[in-house]
PDB file of all heavy atoms in Angstrom:
ATOM      1  N   ARG A   1     108.415  69.801  80.885  1.00  0.00           N
ATOM      2  CA  ARG A   1     108.290  71.216  80.494  1.00  0.00           C
ATOM      3  C   ARG A   1     109.097  71.465  79.200  1.00  0.00           C
ATOM      4  O   ARG A   1     108.650  72.250  78.309  1.00  0.00           O
ATOM      5  CB  ARG A   1     108.839  72.063  81.624  1.00  0.00           C
ATOM      6  CG  ARG A   1     108.684  73.583  81.451  1.00  0.00           C
ATOM      7  CD  ARG A   1     109.042  74.297  82.742  1.00  0.00           C
ATOM      8  NE  ARG A   1     108.944  75.734  82.584  1.00  0.00           N
ATOM      9  CZ  ARG A   1     109.987  76.524  82.253  1.00  0.00           C
ATOM     10  NH1 ARG A   1     111.177  75.996  81.974  1.00  0.00           N
ATOM     11  NH2 ARG A   1     109.833  77.814  82.142  1.00  0.00           N
ATOM     12  N   SER A   2     110.254  70.856  79.077  1.00  0.00           N
ATOM     13  CA  SER A   2     111.116  71.062  77.910  1.00  0.00           C
ATOM     14  C   SER A   2     110.495  70.508  76.596  1.00  0.00           C
ATOM     15  O   SER A   2     110.956  70.863  75.501  1.00  0.00           O
ATOM     16  CB  SER A   2     112.453  70.427  78.095  1.00  0.00           C
ATOM     17  OG  SER A   2     112.360  69.023  78.317  1.00  0.00           O
ATOM     18  N   HIS A   3     109.487  69.658  76.755  1.00  0.00           N
ATOM     19  CA  HIS A   3     108.823  69.106  75.559  1.00  0.00           C
ATOM     20  C   HIS A   3     108.254  70.221  74.703  1.00  0.00           C
ATOM     21  O   HIS A   3     108.208  70.098  73.449  1.00  0.00           O
ATOM     22  CB  HIS A   3     107.729  68.132  76.010  1.00  0.00           C
ATOM     23  CG  HIS A   3     106.984  67.493  74.853  1.00  0.00           C
ATOM     24  ND1 HIS A   3     107.534  66.506  74.037  1.00  0.00           N
ATOM     25  CD2 HIS A   3     105.727  67.768  74.355  1.00  0.00           C
ATOM     26  CE1 HIS A   3     106.638  66.146  73.105  1.00  0.00           C
ATOM     27  NE2 HIS A   3     105.561  66.913  73.292  1.00  0.00           N
ATOM     28  N   ARG A   4     107.853  71.298  75.328  1.00  0.00           N
ATOM     29  CA  ARG A   4     107.287  72.414  74.549  1.00  0.00           C
ATOM     30  C   ARG A   4     108.342  73.076  73.659  1.00  0.00           C
ATOM     31  O   ARG A   4     107.985  73.701  72.666  1.00  0.00           O
ATOM     32  CB  ARG A   4     106.672  73.437  75.522  1.00  0.00           C
ATOM     33  CG  ARG A   4     105.498  72.927  76.334  1.00  0.00           C
ATOM     34  CD  ARG A   4     105.261  73.725  77.578  1.00  0.00           C
ATOM     35  NE  ARG A   4     105.122  75.149  77.271  1.00  0.00           N
ATOM     36  CZ  ARG A   4     105.405  76.147  78.147  1.00  0.00           C
ATOM     37  NH1 ARG A   4     105.898  75.868  79.300  1.00  0.00           N
ATOM     38  NH2 ARG A   4     105.257  77.406  77.768  1.00  0.00           N
ATOM     39  N   TRP A   5     109.572  72.955  74.034  1.00  0.00           N
ATOM     40  CA  TRP A   5     110.645  73.510  73.191  1.00  0.00           C
ATOM     41  C   TRP A   5     111.120  72.497  72.103  1.00  0.00           C
ATOM     42  O   TRP A   5     111.348  72.876  70.985  1.00  0.00           O
ATOM     43  CB  TRP A   5     111.829  73.883  74.086  1.00  0.00           C
ATOM     44  CG  TRP A   5     111.805  75.213  74.720  1.00  0.00           C
ATOM     45  CD1 TRP A   5     112.397  76.358  74.272  1.00  0.00           C
ATOM     46  CD2 TRP A   5     111.200  75.589  75.949  1.00  0.00           C
ATOM     47  NE1 TRP A   5     112.203  77.408  75.102  1.00  0.00           N
ATOM     48  CE2 TRP A   5     111.460  76.983  76.195  1.00  0.00           C
ATOM     49  CE3 TRP A   5     110.437  74.890  76.931  1.00  0.00           C
ATOM     50  CZ2 TRP A   5     111.003  77.640  77.344  1.00  0.00           C
ATOM     51  CZ3 TRP A   5     109.994  75.572  78.029  1.00  0.00           C
ATOM     52  CH2 TRP A   5     110.269  76.956  78.214  1.00  0.00           C
ATOM     53  N   PHE A   6     111.287  71.226  72.581  1.00  0.00           N
ATOM     54  CA  PHE A   6     112.030  70.258  71.741  1.00  0.00           C
ATOM     55  C   PHE A   6     111.133  69.162  71.123  1.00  0.00           C
ATOM     56  O   PHE A   6     111.514  68.592  70.120  1.00  0.00           O
ATOM     57  CB  PHE A   6     113.112  69.544  72.586  1.00  0.00           C
ATOM     58  CG  PHE A   6     114.218  70.477  73.010  1.00  0.00           C
ATOM     59  CD1 PHE A   6     114.525  70.571  74.327  1.00  0.00           C
ATOM     60  CD2 PHE A   6     114.952  71.183  72.115  1.00  0.00           C
ATOM     61  CE1 PHE A   6     115.563  71.395  74.766  1.00  0.00           C
ATOM     62  CE2 PHE A   6     115.989  72.037  72.500  1.00  0.00           C
ATOM     63  CZ  PHE A   6     116.292  72.118  73.860  1.00  0.00           C
ATOM     64  N   GLY A   7     109.990  68.891  71.726  1.00  0.00           N
ATOM     65  CA  GLY A   7     109.258  67.663  71.352  1.00  0.00           C
ATOM     66  C   GLY A   7     108.148  67.791  70.397  1.00  0.00           C
ATOM     67  O   GLY A   7     107.617  66.800  69.915  1.00  0.00           O
ATOM     68  N   VAL A   8     107.696  69.028  70.096  1.00  0.00           N
ATOM     69  CA  VAL A   8     106.543  69.159  69.236  1.00  0.00           C
ATOM     70  C   VAL A   8     106.985  69.391  67.771  1.00  0.00           C
ATOM     71  O   VAL A   8     108.172  69.686  67.512  1.00  0.00           O
ATOM     72  CB  VAL A   8     105.628  70.336  69.708  1.00  0.00           C
ATOM     73  CG1 VAL A   8     105.090  70.011  71.073  1.00  0.00           C
ATOM     74  CG2 VAL A   8     106.401  71.641  69.701  1.00  0.00           C
ATOM     75  N   THR A   9     106.044  69.272  66.879  1.00  0.00           N
ATOM     76  CA  THR A   9     106.377  69.460  65.460  1.00  0.00           C
ATOM     77  C   THR A   9     105.804  70.759  64.967  1.00  0.00           C
ATOM     78  O   THR A   9     104.615  70.851  64.577  1.00  0.00           O
ATOM     79  CB  THR A   9     105.772  68.277  64.610  1.00  0.00           C
ATOM     80  OG1 THR A   9     106.251  67.042  65.143  1.00  0.00           O
ATOM     81  CG2 THR A   9     106.167  68.405  63.167  1.00  0.00           C
ATOM     82  N   ASP A  10     106.612  71.777  65.056  1.00  0.00           N
ATOM     83  CA  ASP A  10     106.250  73.080  64.483  1.00  0.00           C
ATOM     84  C   ASP A  10     107.535  73.843  64.134  1.00  0.00           C
ATOM     85  O   ASP A  10     108.621  73.396  64.398  1.00  0.00           O
ATOM     86  CB  ASP A  10     105.330  73.876  65.455  1.00  0.00           C
ATOM     87  CG  ASP A  10     105.981  74.200  66.793  1.00  0.00           C
ATOM     88  OD1 ASP A  10     107.246  74.095  66.891  1.00  0.00           O
ATOM     89  OD2 ASP A  10     105.258  74.548  67.759  1.00  0.00           O
ATOM     90  N   LEU A  11     107.330  75.011  63.551  1.00  0.00           N
ATOM     91  CA  LEU A  11     108.522  75.758  63.052  1.00  0.00           C
ATOM     92  C   LEU A  11     109.407  76.219  64.193  1.00  0.00           C
ATOM     93  O   LEU A  11     110.620  76.155  64.094  1.00  0.00           O
ATOM     94  CB  LEU A  11     108.015  76.959  62.254  1.00  0.00           C
ATOM     95  CG  LEU A  11     109.090  77.862  61.619  1.00  0.00           C
ATOM     96  CD1 LEU A  11     109.942  77.040  60.634  1.00  0.00           C
ATOM     97  CD2 LEU A  11     108.474  79.048  60.919  1.00  0.00           C
ATOM     98  N   ARG A  12     108.791  76.638  65.327  1.00  0.00           N
ATOM     99  CA  ARG A  12     109.609  77.108  66.447  1.00  0.00           C
ATOM    100  C   ARG A  12     110.447  75.969  67.037  1.00  0.00           C
ATOM    101  O   ARG A  12     111.629  76.178  67.302  1.00  0.00           O
ATOM    102  CB  ARG A  12     108.721  77.723  67.532  1.00  0.00           C
ATOM    103  CG  ARG A  12     109.418  78.264  68.736  1.00  0.00           C
ATOM    104  CD  ARG A  12     110.487  79.301  68.381  1.00  0.00           C
ATOM    105  NE  ARG A  12     109.902  80.489  67.756  1.00  0.00           N
ATOM    106  CZ  ARG A  12     110.613  81.407  67.131  1.00  0.00           C
ATOM    107  NH1 ARG A  12     111.896  81.295  67.009  1.00  0.00           N
ATOM    108  NH2 ARG A  12     110.019  82.453  66.568  1.00  0.00           N
ATOM    109  N   SER A  13     109.864  74.809  67.179  1.00  0.00           N
ATOM    110  CA  SER A  13     110.649  73.673  67.715  1.00  0.00           C
ATOM    111  C   SER A  13     111.750  73.233  66.764  1.00  0.00           C
ATOM    112  O   SER A  13     112.828  72.787  67.150  1.00  0.00           O
ATOM    113  CB  SER A  13     109.736  72.527  68.040  1.00  0.00           C
ATOM    114  OG  SER A  13     108.865  72.843  69.079  1.00  0.00           O
ATOM    115  N   PHE A  14     111.472  73.409  65.440  1.00  0.00           N
ATOM    116  CA  PHE A  14     112.531  73.177  64.443  1.00  0.00           C
ATOM    117  C   PHE A  14     113.741  74.018  64.790  1.00  0.00           C
ATOM    118  O   PHE A  14     114.888  73.565  64.814  1.00  0.00           O
ATOM    119  CB  PHE A  14     112.029  73.484  63.048  1.00  0.00           C
ATOM    120  CG  PHE A  14     113.093  73.474  61.967  1.00  0.00           C
ATOM    121  CD1 PHE A  14     113.343  72.292  61.285  1.00  0.00           C
ATOM    122  CD2 PHE A  14     113.816  74.593  61.718  1.00  0.00           C
ATOM    123  CE1 PHE A  14     114.342  72.289  60.280  1.00  0.00           C
ATOM    124  CE2 PHE A  14     114.788  74.611  60.708  1.00  0.00           C
ATOM    125  CZ  PHE A  14     115.065  73.432  59.988  1.00  0.00           C
ATOM    126  N   GLY A  15     113.452  75.294  65.102  1.00  0.00           N
ATOM    127  CA  GLY A  15     114.568  76.175  65.444  1.00  0.00           C
ATOM    128  C   GLY A  15     115.302  75.768  66.691  1.00  0.00           C
ATOM    129  O   GLY A  15     116.520  75.835  66.792  1.00  0.00           O
ATOM    130  N   HIS A  16     114.565  75.376  67.728  1.00  0.00           N
ATOM    131  CA  HIS A  16     115.205  74.958  68.962  1.00  0.00           C
ATOM    132  C   HIS A  16     116.106  73.715  68.731  1.00  0.00           C
ATOM    133  O   HIS A  16     117.222  73.656  69.257  1.00  0.00           O
ATOM    134  CB  HIS A  16     114.139  74.573  69.988  1.00  0.00           C
ATOM    135  CG  HIS A  16     113.252  75.751  70.366  1.00  0.00           C
ATOM    136  ND1 HIS A  16     111.925  75.599  70.760  1.00  0.00           N
ATOM    137  CD2 HIS A  16     113.471  77.054  70.429  1.00  0.00           C
ATOM    138  CE1 HIS A  16     111.372  76.747  71.048  1.00  0.00           C
ATOM    139  NE2 HIS A  16     112.355  77.700  70.844  1.00  0.00           N
ATOM    140  N   ARG A  17     115.577  72.739  68.026  1.00  0.00           N
ATOM    141  CA  ARG A  17     116.331  71.503  67.767  1.00  0.00           C
ATOM    142  C   ARG A  17     117.575  71.801  66.884  1.00  0.00           C
ATOM    143  O   ARG A  17     118.678  71.304  67.161  1.00  0.00           O
ATOM    144  CB  ARG A  17     115.474  70.442  67.143  1.00  0.00           C
ATOM    145  CG  ARG A  17     114.417  69.873  68.118  1.00  0.00           C
ATOM    146  CD  ARG A  17     113.715  68.676  67.532  1.00  0.00           C
ATOM    147  NE  ARG A  17     112.920  69.061  66.346  1.00  0.00           N
ATOM    148  CZ  ARG A  17     111.627  69.420  66.375  1.00  0.00           C
ATOM    149  NH1 ARG A  17     110.989  69.481  67.528  1.00  0.00           N
ATOM    150  NH2 ARG A  17     110.981  69.710  65.283  1.00  0.00           N
ATOM    151  N   SER A  18     117.372  72.595  65.853  1.00  0.00           N
ATOM    152  CA  SER A  18     118.480  72.849  64.940  1.00  0.00           C
ATOM    153  C   SER A  18     119.614  73.609  65.620  1.00  0.00           C
ATOM    154  O   SER A  18     120.795  73.358  65.361  1.00  0.00           O
ATOM    155  CB  SER A  18     118.005  73.629  63.697  1.00  0.00           C
ATOM    156  OG  SER A  18     117.582  74.924  64.026  1.00  0.00           O
ATOM    157  N   ARG A  19     119.281  74.515  66.515  1.00  0.00           N
ATOM    158  CA  ARG A  19     120.316  75.287  67.235  1.00  0.00           C
ATOM    159  C   ARG A  19     120.998  74.449  68.283  1.00  0.00           C
ATOM    160  O   ARG A  19     122.183  74.637  68.594  1.00  0.00           O
ATOM    161  CB  ARG A  19     119.681  76.540  67.894  1.00  0.00           C
ATOM    162  CG  ARG A  19     119.204  77.561  66.868  1.00  0.00           C
ATOM    163  CD  ARG A  19     120.279  78.031  65.924  1.00  0.00           C
ATOM    164  NE  ARG A  19     119.855  79.172  65.132  1.00  0.00           N
ATOM    165  CZ  ARG A  19     120.600  79.767  64.238  1.00  0.00           C
ATOM    166  NH1 ARG A  19     121.828  79.367  64.050  1.00  0.00           N
ATOM    167  NH2 ARG A  19     120.118  80.802  63.541  1.00  0.00           N
ATOM    168  N   THR A  20     120.294  73.491  68.811  1.00  0.00           N
ATOM    169  CA  THR A  20     120.970  72.525  69.769  1.00  0.00           C
ATOM    170  C   THR A  20     121.881  71.603  68.984  1.00  0.00           C
ATOM    171  O   THR A  20     123.039  71.343  69.437  1.00  0.00           O
ATOM    172  CB  THR A  20     119.897  71.725  70.515  1.00  0.00           C
ATOM    173  OG1 THR A  20     118.954  72.646  71.132  1.00  0.00           O
ATOM    174  CG2 THR A  20     120.553  70.889  71.611  1.00  0.00           C
ATOM    175  N   LEU A  21     121.440  71.179  67.841  1.00  0.00           N
ATOM    176  CA  LEU A  21     122.335  70.378  66.954  1.00  0.00           C
ATOM    177  C   LEU A  21     123.564  71.199  66.543  1.00  0.00           C
ATOM    178  O   LEU A  21     124.652  70.719  66.391  1.00  0.00           O
ATOM    179  CB  LEU A  21     121.563  69.903  65.706  1.00  0.00           C
ATOM    180  CG  LEU A  21     120.434  68.905  65.978  1.00  0.00           C
ATOM    181  CD1 LEU A  21     119.554  68.742  64.758  1.00  0.00           C
ATOM    182  CD2 LEU A  21     120.993  67.558  66.361  1.00  0.00           C
ATOM    183  N   GLN A  22     123.369  72.525  66.352  1.00  0.00           N
ATOM    184  CA  GLN A  22     124.457  73.440  65.963  1.00  0.00           C
ATOM    185  C   GLN A  22     125.554  73.391  67.012  1.00  0.00           C
ATOM    186  O   GLN A  22     126.732  73.563  66.655  1.00  0.00           O
ATOM    187  CB  GLN A  22     123.872  74.858  65.820  1.00  0.00           C
ATOM    188  CG  GLN A  22     124.930  75.927  65.518  1.00  0.00           C
ATOM    189  CD  GLN A  22     124.353  77.320  65.593  1.00  0.00           C
ATOM    190  OE1 GLN A  22     123.189  77.472  65.931  1.00  0.00           O
ATOM    191  NE2 GLN A  22     125.176  78.322  65.289  1.00  0.00           N
ATOM    192  N   MET A  23     125.219  73.160  68.264  1.00  0.00           N
ATOM    193  CA  MET A  23     126.224  73.137  69.311  1.00  0.00           C
ATOM    194  C   MET A  23     126.910  71.783  69.451  1.00  0.00           C
ATOM    195  O   MET A  23     127.766  71.574  70.299  1.00  0.00           O
ATOM    196  CB  MET A  23     125.550  73.486  70.681  1.00  0.00           C
ATOM    197  CG  MET A  23     125.101  74.932  70.754  1.00  0.00           C
ATOM    198  SD  MET A  23     124.418  75.387  72.368  1.00  0.00           S
ATOM    199  CE  MET A  23     122.789  74.633  72.301  1.00  0.00           C
ATOM    200  N   GLY A  24     126.603  70.886  68.519  1.00  0.00           N
ATOM    201  CA  GLY A  24     127.290  69.613  68.485  1.00  0.00           C
ATOM    202  C   GLY A  24     126.603  68.462  69.210  1.00  0.00           C
ATOM    203  O   GLY A  24     127.141  67.346  69.284  1.00  0.00           O
ATOM    204  N   TYR A  25     125.410  68.718  69.752  1.00  0.00           N
ATOM    205  CA  TYR A  25     124.672  67.622  70.418  1.00  0.00           C
ATOM    206  C   TYR A  25     123.910  66.806  69.379  1.00  0.00           C
ATOM    207  O   TYR A  25     123.505  67.332  68.343  1.00  0.00           O
ATOM    208  CB  TYR A  25     123.672  68.225  71.416  1.00  0.00           C
ATOM    209  CG  TYR A  25     124.361  68.925  72.591  1.00  0.00           C
ATOM    210  CD1 TYR A  25     124.301  70.323  72.694  1.00  0.00           C
ATOM    211  CD2 TYR A  25     125.003  68.192  73.583  1.00  0.00           C
ATOM    212  CE1 TYR A  25     124.883  70.945  73.775  1.00  0.00           C
ATOM    213  CE2 TYR A  25     125.601  68.854  74.639  1.00  0.00           C
ATOM    214  CZ  TYR A  25     125.535  70.218  74.717  1.00  0.00           C
ATOM    215  OH  TYR A  25     126.161  70.852  75.776  1.00  0.00           O
ATOM    216  N   ALA A  26     123.716  65.543  69.690  1.00  0.00           N
ATOM    217  CA  ALA A  26     122.859  64.689  68.870  1.00  0.00           C
ATOM    218  C   ALA A  26     121.464  64.693  69.415  1.00  0.00           C
ATOM    219  O   ALA A  26     121.239  65.005  70.589  1.00  0.00           O
ATOM    220  CB  ALA A  26     123.454  63.255  68.851  1.00  0.00           C
ATOM    221  N   ARG A  27     120.528  64.330  68.556  1.00  0.00           N
ATOM    222  CA  ARG A  27     119.126  64.249  68.994  1.00  0.00           C
ATOM    223  C   ARG A  27     118.957  63.342  70.189  1.00  0.00           C
ATOM    224  O   ARG A  27     118.195  63.585  71.114  1.00  0.00           O
ATOM    225  CB  ARG A  27     118.205  63.796  67.872  1.00  0.00           C
ATOM    226  CG  ARG A  27     117.908  64.867  66.869  1.00  0.00           C
ATOM    227  CD  ARG A  27     116.926  64.382  65.805  1.00  0.00           C
ATOM    228  NE  ARG A  27     116.469  65.480  64.943  1.00  0.00           N
ATOM    229  CZ  ARG A  27     117.225  65.900  63.892  1.00  0.00           C
ATOM    230  NH1 ARG A  27     118.362  65.335  63.561  1.00  0.00           N
ATOM    231  NH2 ARG A  27     116.733  66.915  63.121  1.00  0.00           N
ATOM    232  N   GLU A  28     119.760  62.286  70.213  1.00  0.00           N
ATOM    233  CA  GLU A  28     119.697  61.350  71.335  1.00  0.00           C
ATOM    234  C   GLU A  28     120.133  61.963  72.671  1.00  0.00           C
ATOM    235  O   GLU A  28     119.807  61.443  73.753  1.00  0.00           O
ATOM    236  CB  GLU A  28     120.559  60.123  71.057  1.00  0.00           C
ATOM    237  CG  GLU A  28     120.073  59.215  69.934  1.00  0.00           C
ATOM    238  CD  GLU A  28     120.389  59.853  68.531  1.00  0.00           C
ATOM    239  OE1 GLU A  28     121.187  60.797  68.508  1.00  0.00           O
ATOM    240  OE2 GLU A  28     119.854  59.313  67.506  1.00  0.00           O
ATOM    241  N   ASP A  29     120.876  63.036  72.587  1.00  0.00           N
ATOM    242  CA  ASP A  29     121.327  63.728  73.837  1.00  0.00           C
ATOM    243  C   ASP A  29     120.199  64.457  74.536  1.00  0.00           C
ATOM    244  O   ASP A  29     120.215  64.519  75.772  1.00  0.00           O
ATOM    245  CB  ASP A  29     122.440  64.729  73.502  1.00  0.00           C
ATOM    246  CG  ASP A  29     123.749  64.061  73.103  1.00  0.00           C
ATOM    247  OD1 ASP A  29     123.990  62.919  73.551  1.00  0.00           O
ATOM    248  OD2 ASP A  29     124.514  64.687  72.305  1.00  0.00           O
ATOM    249  N   PHE A  30     119.249  64.974  73.794  1.00  0.00           N
ATOM    250  CA  PHE A  30     118.272  65.864  74.429  1.00  0.00           C
ATOM    251  C   PHE A  30     116.838  65.558  74.183  1.00  0.00           C
ATOM    252  O   PHE A  30     115.952  65.981  74.913  1.00  0.00           O
ATOM    253  CB  PHE A  30     118.525  67.324  74.027  1.00  0.00           C
ATOM    254  CG  PHE A  30     118.420  67.631  72.548  1.00  0.00           C
ATOM    255  CD1 PHE A  30     117.203  68.044  72.005  1.00  0.00           C
ATOM    256  CD2 PHE A  30     119.460  67.519  71.709  1.00  0.00           C
ATOM    257  CE1 PHE A  30     117.051  68.301  70.678  1.00  0.00           C
ATOM    258  CE2 PHE A  30     119.359  67.808  70.360  1.00  0.00           C
ATOM    259  CZ  PHE A  30     118.162  68.188  69.820  1.00  0.00           C
ATOM    260  N   MET A  31     116.536  64.741  73.151  1.00  0.00           N
ATOM    261  CA  MET A  31     115.168  64.480  72.820  1.00  0.00           C
ATOM    262  C   MET A  31     114.499  63.506  73.862  1.00  0.00           C
ATOM    263  O   MET A  31     115.015  62.451  74.153  1.00  0.00           O
ATOM    264  CB  MET A  31     115.020  63.861  71.417  1.00  0.00           C
ATOM    265  CG  MET A  31     115.312  64.837  70.314  1.00  0.00           C
ATOM    266  SD  MET A  31     114.032  66.128  70.132  1.00  0.00           S
ATOM    267  CE  MET A  31     112.685  65.153  69.522  1.00  0.00           C
ATOM    268  N   GLY A  32     113.414  63.974  74.457  1.00  0.00           N
ATOM    269  CA  GLY A  32     112.668  63.109  75.371  1.00  0.00           C
ATOM    270  C   GLY A  32     113.379  62.945  76.744  1.00  0.00           C
ATOM    271  O   GLY A  32     112.983  62.037  77.489  1.00  0.00           O
ATOM    272  N   LYS A  33     114.346  63.779  77.015  1.00  0.00           N
ATOM    273  CA  LYS A  33     115.104  63.650  78.311  1.00  0.00           C
ATOM    274  C   LYS A  33     114.869  64.893  79.147  1.00  0.00           C
ATOM    275  O   LYS A  33     114.679  65.993  78.641  1.00  0.00           O
ATOM    276  CB  LYS A  33     116.592  63.482  78.017  1.00  0.00           C
ATOM    277  CG  LYS A  33     116.941  62.172  77.278  1.00  0.00           C
ATOM    278  CD  LYS A  33     118.443  62.076  77.105  1.00  0.00           C
ATOM    279  CE  LYS A  33     118.787  60.716  76.483  1.00  0.00           C
ATOM    280  NZ  LYS A  33     120.253  60.563  76.349  1.00  0.00           N
ATOM    281  N   PRO A  34     114.944  64.722  80.464  1.00  0.00           N
ATOM    282  CA  PRO A  34     114.850  65.915  81.338  1.00  0.00           C
ATOM    283  C   PRO A  34     116.039  66.850  81.069  1.00  0.00           C
ATOM    284  O   PRO A  34     117.195  66.443  81.068  1.00  0.00           O
ATOM    285  CB  PRO A  34     114.908  65.330  82.758  1.00  0.00           C
ATOM    286  CG  PRO A  34     114.494  63.921  82.592  1.00  0.00           C
ATOM    287  CD  PRO A  34     114.990  63.475  81.255  1.00  0.00           C
TER     288      PRO A  34
END
């Protein structure tokens, strides 16, 4: 379900990923994971 937020390539997902990175997480922490 979270793939719709983090895994697709569009402007909204850019915002989701960038704000998660803003909190100090790395892409490896959340990309493709439950």
